[in-house]
Amino acid sequence: MAEPGKDSRDLIEQLLLAGVGAVSLTADRVEELVDSFAERGGLQRDEARGAIDDLVSRWRGDATRVTERAGAGLQGMLREFGLVLRSEFEELELRVAQLEHRLKLLERDDLVPPA
């Protein structure tokens, strides 16, 4: 005999597991998932769709925040080691090239005698 509430817990567990993978789901796969939850869970299709859409948006938001935090942590670690980001290095490289160019222009102007 089935344990009371087991079907509901299984459905919730499946919904959560689906949410984990939902970040990378294609539109077709989302529709299949909606149909599956609607059939098995006794939910209306629009309720299942809403729940999955909610999970997908939450997981995508969480993934974005985790990525941002990881990036900030990595940048902090690089700073502690005295390293710079490639973009910062390239910006400095450009600034040095501009200064060298200006210096060459000034030196050339100094070599030209006044008329």
C-alpha atoms as a PDB file:
ATOM      1  CA  MET A   1       0.000   0.000   0.000  1.00  0.00           C
ATOM      2  CA  ALA A   2       1.295   3.440  -0.928  1.00  0.00           C
ATOM      3  CA  GLU A   3       2.380   5.802   1.782  1.00  0.00           C
ATOM      4  CA  PRO A   4       0.009   8.805   2.200  1.00  0.00           C
ATOM      5  CA  GLY A   5       1.368  11.875   0.448  1.00  0.00           C
ATOM      6  CA  LYS A   6       4.060   9.853  -1.314  1.00  0.00           C
ATOM      7  CA  ASP A   7       2.689  10.744  -4.761  1.00  0.00           C
ATOM      8  CA  SER A   8       2.762  14.432  -3.853  1.00  0.00           C
ATOM      9  CA  ARG A   9       6.309  14.184  -2.535  1.00  0.00           C
ATOM     10  CA  ASP A  10       7.405  12.314  -5.664  1.00  0.00           C
ATOM     11  CA  LEU A  11       5.823  14.976  -7.825  1.00  0.00           C
ATOM     12  CA  ILE A  12       7.524  17.764  -5.855  1.00  0.00           C
ATOM     13  CA  GLU A  13      10.851  15.926  -6.021  1.00  0.00           C
ATOM     14  CA  GLN A  14      10.481  15.491  -9.777  1.00  0.00           C
ATOM     15  CA  LEU A  15       9.552  19.152 -10.109  1.00  0.00           C
ATOM     16  CA  LEU A  16      12.647  20.218  -8.171  1.00  0.00           C
ATOM     17  CA  LEU A  17      14.911  17.918 -10.146  1.00  0.00           C
ATOM     18  CA  ALA A  18      13.369  19.219 -13.331  1.00  0.00           C
ATOM     19  CA  GLY A  19      14.103  22.738 -12.127  1.00  0.00           C
ATOM     20  CA  VAL A  20      17.774  21.917 -11.765  1.00  0.00           C
ATOM     21  CA  GLY A  21      17.961  20.847 -15.372  1.00  0.00           C
ATOM     22  CA  ALA A  22      15.494  23.448 -16.588  1.00  0.00           C
ATOM     23  CA  VAL A  23      18.150  26.075 -16.991  1.00  0.00           C
ATOM     24  CA  SER A  24      19.232  24.446 -20.215  1.00  0.00           C
ATOM     25  CA  LEU A  25      15.905  23.069 -21.394  1.00  0.00           C
ATOM     26  CA  THR A  26      14.725  23.654 -24.913  1.00  0.00           C
ATOM     27  CA  ALA A  27      11.201  24.908 -25.547  1.00  0.00           C
ATOM     28  CA  ASP A  28      10.127  21.471 -26.842  1.00  0.00           C
ATOM     29  CA  ARG A  29      11.442  19.743 -23.748  1.00  0.00           C
ATOM     30  CA  VAL A  30       9.621  22.241 -21.500  1.00  0.00           C
ATOM     31  CA  GLU A  31       6.361  21.411 -23.270  1.00  0.00           C
ATOM     32  CA  GLU A  32       6.965  17.675 -22.769  1.00  0.00           C
ATOM     33  CA  LEU A  33       7.684  18.316 -19.096  1.00  0.00           C
ATOM     34  CA  VAL A  34       4.512  20.392 -18.722  1.00  0.00           C
ATOM     35  CA  ASP A  35       2.449  17.611 -20.302  1.00  0.00           C
ATOM     36  CA  SER A  36       4.068  14.999 -18.084  1.00  0.00           C
ATOM     37  CA  PHE A  37       3.399  16.942 -14.868  1.00  0.00           C
ATOM     38  CA  ALA A  38      -0.136  17.709 -15.954  1.00  0.00           C
ATOM     39  CA  GLU A  39      -0.846  14.015 -16.583  1.00  0.00           C
ATOM     40  CA  ARG A  40       0.881  12.557 -13.525  1.00  0.00           C
ATOM     41  CA  GLY A  41       0.214  15.280 -11.003  1.00  0.00           C
ATOM     42  CA  GLY A  42      -3.396  15.908 -11.801  1.00  0.00           C
ATOM     43  CA  LEU A  43      -2.566  19.547 -12.467  1.00  0.00           C
ATOM     44  CA  GLN A  44      -4.103  21.746 -15.083  1.00  0.00           C
ATOM     45  CA  ARG A  45      -1.742  22.297 -17.983  1.00  0.00           C
ATOM     46  CA  ASP A  46      -1.530  26.043 -17.311  1.00  0.00           C
ATOM     47  CA  GLU A  47      -0.743  25.397 -13.612  1.00  0.00           C
ATOM     48  CA  ALA A  48       2.048  22.988 -14.552  1.00  0.00           C
ATOM     49  CA  ARG A  49       3.328  25.487 -17.132  1.00  0.00           C
ATOM     50  CA  GLY A  50       3.324  28.281 -14.545  1.00  0.00           C
ATOM     51  CA  ALA A  51       5.192  26.171 -11.992  1.00  0.00           C
ATOM     52  CA  ILE A  52       7.857  25.145 -14.491  1.00  0.00           C
ATOM     53  CA  ASP A  53       8.226  28.692 -15.842  1.00  0.00           C
ATOM     54  CA  ASP A  54       8.652  29.918 -12.257  1.00  0.00           C
ATOM     55  CA  LEU A  55      11.326  27.328 -11.568  1.00  0.00           C
ATOM     56  CA  VAL A  56      13.159  28.031 -14.810  1.00  0.00           C
ATOM     57  CA  SER A  57      13.294  31.770 -14.143  1.00  0.00           C
ATOM     58  CA  ARG A  58      14.389  31.241 -10.522  1.00  0.00           C
ATOM     59  CA  TRP A  59      17.105  28.795 -11.515  1.00  0.00           C
ATOM     60  CA  ARG A  60      18.359  31.092 -14.264  1.00  0.00           C
ATOM     61  CA  GLY A  61      18.455  33.982 -11.798  1.00  0.00           C
ATOM     62  CA  ASP A  62      20.295  31.844  -9.259  1.00  0.00           C
ATOM     63  CA  ALA A  63      22.765  30.674 -11.895  1.00  0.00           C
ATOM     64  CA  THR A  64      23.450  34.287 -12.883  1.00  0.00           C
ATOM     65  CA  ARG A  65      24.014  35.346  -9.269  1.00  0.00           C
ATOM     66  CA  VAL A  66      26.303  32.397  -8.575  1.00  0.00           C
ATOM     67  CA  THR A  67      28.309  33.177 -11.697  1.00  0.00           C
ATOM     68  CA  GLU A  68      28.625  36.840 -10.711  1.00  0.00           C
ATOM     69  CA  ARG A  69      29.714  35.925  -7.174  1.00  0.00           C
ATOM     70  CA  ALA A  70      32.234  33.413  -8.475  1.00  0.00           C
ATOM     71  CA  GLY A  71      33.620  36.002 -10.891  1.00  0.00           C
ATOM     72  CA  ALA A  72      33.936  38.594  -8.130  1.00  0.00           C
ATOM     73  CA  GLY A  73      35.629  36.051  -5.866  1.00  0.00           C
ATOM     74  CA  LEU A  74      38.060  35.086  -8.594  1.00  0.00           C
ATOM     75  CA  GLN A  75      38.884  38.725  -9.301  1.00  0.00           C
ATOM     76  CA  GLY A  76      39.560  39.260  -5.595  1.00  0.00           C
ATOM     77  CA  MET A  77      41.863  36.257  -5.534  1.00  0.00           C
ATOM     78  CA  LEU A  78      43.732  37.486  -8.607  1.00  0.00           C
ATOM     79  CA  ARG A  79      44.203  40.874  -6.932  1.00  0.00           C
ATOM     80  CA  GLU A  80      45.636  39.192  -3.830  1.00  0.00           C
ATOM     81  CA  PHE A  81      48.189  37.431  -6.026  1.00  0.00           C
ATOM     82  CA  GLY A  82      49.049  40.725  -7.715  1.00  0.00           C
ATOM     83  CA  LEU A  83      47.568  39.693 -11.071  1.00  0.00           C
ATOM     84  CA  VAL A  84      45.456  41.817 -13.404  1.00  0.00           C
ATOM     85  CA  LEU A  85      42.636  40.952 -15.760  1.00  0.00           C
ATOM     86  CA  ARG A  86      43.353  40.738 -19.465  1.00  0.00           C
ATOM     87  CA  SER A  87      40.960  43.636 -20.134  1.00  0.00           C
ATOM     88  CA  GLU A  88      42.843  45.826 -17.638  1.00  0.00           C
ATOM     89  CA  PHE A  89      46.172  44.846 -19.189  1.00  0.00           C
ATOM     90  CA  GLU A  90      44.922  45.639 -22.698  1.00  0.00           C
ATOM     91  CA  GLU A  91      43.599  49.007 -21.530  1.00  0.00           C
ATOM     92  CA  LEU A  92      46.992  49.876 -20.045  1.00  0.00           C
ATOM     93  CA  GLU A  93      48.722  48.669 -23.198  1.00  0.00           C
ATOM     94  CA  LEU A  94      46.551  51.011 -25.273  1.00  0.00           C
ATOM     95  CA  ARG A  95      47.254  53.940 -22.958  1.00  0.00           C
ATOM     96  CA  VAL A  96      51.016  53.330 -23.178  1.00  0.00           C
ATOM     97  CA  ALA A  97      50.829  53.173 -26.982  1.00  0.00           C
ATOM     98  CA  GLN A  98      48.920  56.486 -27.029  1.00  0.00           C
ATOM     99  CA  LEU A  99      51.502  58.114 -24.759  1.00  0.00           C
ATOM    100  CA  GLU A 100      54.356  56.803 -26.927  1.00  0.00           C
ATOM    101  CA  HIS A 101      52.664  58.238 -30.008  1.00  0.00           C
ATOM    102  CA  ARG A 102      52.196  61.641 -28.353  1.00  0.00           C
ATOM    103  CA  LEU A 103      55.800  61.621 -27.185  1.00  0.00           C
ATOM    104  CA  LYS A 104      57.037  60.888 -30.734  1.00  0.00           C
ATOM    105  CA  LEU A 105      54.933  63.773 -32.056  1.00  0.00           C
ATOM    106  CA  LEU A 106      56.385  66.114 -29.445  1.00  0.00           C
ATOM    107  CA  GLU A 107      59.949  64.976 -30.159  1.00  0.00           C
ATOM    108  CA  ARG A 108      59.422  65.488 -33.905  1.00  0.00           C
ATOM    109  CA  ASP A 109      58.079  68.971 -33.292  1.00  0.00           C
ATOM    110  CA  ASP A 110      61.169  69.766 -31.187  1.00  0.00           C
ATOM    111  CA  LEU A 111      63.484  68.771 -34.073  1.00  0.00           C
ATOM    112  CA  VAL A 112      61.801  71.110 -36.542  1.00  0.00           C
ATOM    113  CA  PRO A 113      63.493  74.544 -36.287  1.00  0.00           C
ATOM    114  CA  PRO A 114      61.185  77.521 -35.899  1.00  0.00           C
ATOM    115  CA  ALA A 115      60.747  79.544 -39.125  1.00  0.00           C
END
